[in-house]
Protein backbone atom coordinates (compact mmCIF):
# COMPACT_ATOMS: atom_id res chain seq x y z
CA MET A 1 4.17 -1.26 -2.39
CA PRO A 2 5.61 2.36 -2.29
CA ASN A 3 5.28 2.34 1.46
CA LEU A 4 7.24 -0.98 1.60
CA LEU A 5 9.86 0.51 -0.70
CA GLY A 6 10.29 3.60 1.47
CA PHE A 7 10.59 1.39 4.58
CA SER A 8 13.29 -0.81 2.84
CA LEU A 9 15.22 2.31 1.69
CA GLY A 10 15.07 3.74 5.23
CA GLY A 11 16.27 0.46 6.68
CA PHE A 12 19.12 0.26 4.13
CA ALA A 13 20.21 3.87 4.90
CA MET A 14 20.22 3.09 8.61
CA TRP A 15 22.28 -0.08 7.96
CA ILE A 16 24.80 1.86 5.90
CA ALA A 17 25.04 4.63 8.55
CA ILE A 18 25.53 2.43 11.58
CA GLY A 19 28.89 2.19 13.18
CA ASP A 20 32.15 3.86 12.66
CA GLU A 21 34.91 2.95 10.06
CA ALA A 22 36.77 0.53 12.49
CA PHE A 23 33.62 -1.37 13.03
CA LYS A 24 32.77 -1.46 9.34
CA LYS A 25 36.28 -2.72 8.55
CA ILE A 26 35.81 -5.58 11.02
CA ILE A 27 32.56 -6.79 9.53
CA THR A 28 33.44 -6.36 5.87
CA GLY A 29 36.40 -8.68 5.62
CA ASP A 30 36.16 -11.77 3.40
CA GLU A 31 37.76 -14.86 4.90
CA LYS A 32 38.84 -18.16 3.42
CA SER A 33 37.54 -21.31 5.06
CA GLU A 34 39.57 -24.38 5.65
CA SER A 35 38.55 -25.87 2.30
CA GLY A 36 39.75 -22.76 0.46
CA GLU A 37 36.32 -21.30 -0.34
CA VAL A 38 35.68 -17.59 0.25
CA GLU A 39 33.19 -16.85 2.90
CA TYR A 40 31.35 -13.66 2.33
CA SER A 41 31.04 -11.21 5.20
CA PRO A 42 27.85 -10.64 7.06
CA TYR A 43 27.89 -6.97 5.94
CA MET A 44 28.00 -7.85 2.24
CA SER A 45 25.17 -10.42 2.75
CA VAL A 46 22.92 -7.87 4.32
CA ASN A 47 23.76 -5.28 1.61
CA ALA A 48 22.98 -7.84 -1.12
CA THR A 49 19.59 -8.71 0.66
CA PHE A 50 18.55 -5.03 0.81
CA VAL A 51 19.44 -4.38 -2.73
CA HIS A 52 17.57 -7.50 -3.81
CA PHE A 53 14.42 -6.30 -1.94
CA ILE A 54 14.71 -2.79 -3.31
CA LEU A 55 15.14 -3.91 -6.84
CA LEU A 56 12.23 -6.33 -6.65
CA GLN A 57 10.02 -3.66 -5.15
CA LEU A 58 10.92 -1.20 -7.92
CA LEU A 59 10.20 -3.86 -10.52
CA THR A 60 6.86 -4.54 -8.88
CA ILE A 61 5.91 -0.79 -9.04
CA ILE A 62 6.92 -0.59 -12.74
CA THR A 63 5.03 -3.70 -13.78
CA ALA A 64 1.99 -2.62 -11.75
CA LEU A 65 1.92 0.72 -13.67
CA VAL A 66 2.36 -0.95 -17.04
CA THR A 67 -0.25 -3.52 -16.29
CA LYS A 68 -2.73 -0.72 -15.15
CA ALA A 69 -1.94 1.39 -18.23
CA TYR A 70 -2.78 -1.52 -20.58
CA SER A 71 -5.77 -2.81 -18.45
CA SER A 72 -7.91 -5.51 -20.02
CA ILE A 73 -11.07 -3.51 -18.87
CA LEU A 74 -10.50 -1.18 -21.79
CA ILE A 75 -9.64 -4.02 -24.28
CA ASN A 76 -12.59 -3.27 -26.64
CA ASN A 77 -11.43 0.33 -26.99
CA ALA A 78 -7.67 -0.47 -27.17
CA PHE A 79 -6.02 0.43 -30.42
CA MET A 80 -3.44 -2.41 -29.86
CA TYR A 81 -6.42 -4.90 -29.88
CA TYR A 82 -7.23 -3.92 -33.43
CA TYR A 83 -3.61 -4.58 -34.52
CA LEU A 84 -2.85 -7.79 -32.58
CA GLY A 85 -6.31 -9.32 -32.11
CA VAL A 86 -6.77 -12.11 -29.52
CA PHE A 87 -3.00 -12.26 -29.06
CA TYR A 88 -3.08 -8.90 -27.25
CA LYS A 89 -5.57 -10.31 -24.72
CA TYR A 90 -3.36 -13.26 -23.99
CA ALA A 91 -0.32 -11.08 -23.79
CA LEU A 92 -2.12 -8.85 -21.22
CA LEU A 93 -3.10 -11.92 -19.10
CA THR A 94 0.48 -13.22 -19.29
CA PHE A 95 2.00 -9.93 -18.17
CA SER A 96 -0.59 -9.56 -15.40
CA PHE A 97 0.33 -12.96 -14.16
CA PHE A 98 4.02 -11.99 -14.21
CA ALA A 99 3.26 -8.73 -12.40
CA TYR A 100 1.15 -10.46 -9.70
CA PHE A 101 3.87 -13.07 -9.25
CA ILE A 102 6.58 -10.41 -8.80
CA PHE A 103 4.32 -8.55 -6.27
CA ILE A 104 3.67 -11.71 -4.21
CA TYR A 105 7.35 -12.67 -4.33
CA SER A 106 8.54 -9.20 -3.26
CA VAL A 107 6.11 -9.05 -0.37
CA PHE A 108 6.81 -12.50 0.97
CA SER A 109 10.47 -12.80 0.41
């Protein structure tokens, strides 16, 4: 996942650096359609897509670190297990499911 994040950041940096100011001014303008709705520029759509990917990949890395830190392999030795009991085990499974779901979503979206 860190490699994918680096690739996304590099692509975003190249997208921001492309073209001169006149070209950017042409592709950044918002226009109104015939029905009066604002049509967003392709430039802003690509920026929003890159930011979405980057934030998802950061969230994936953070959830992976937290999930690994509170791994269920060490559950018998975990001090939280003594305080929360079986609820701790189910909380770990739920958070692991969430982390894996975010990982799959960030890779395939």
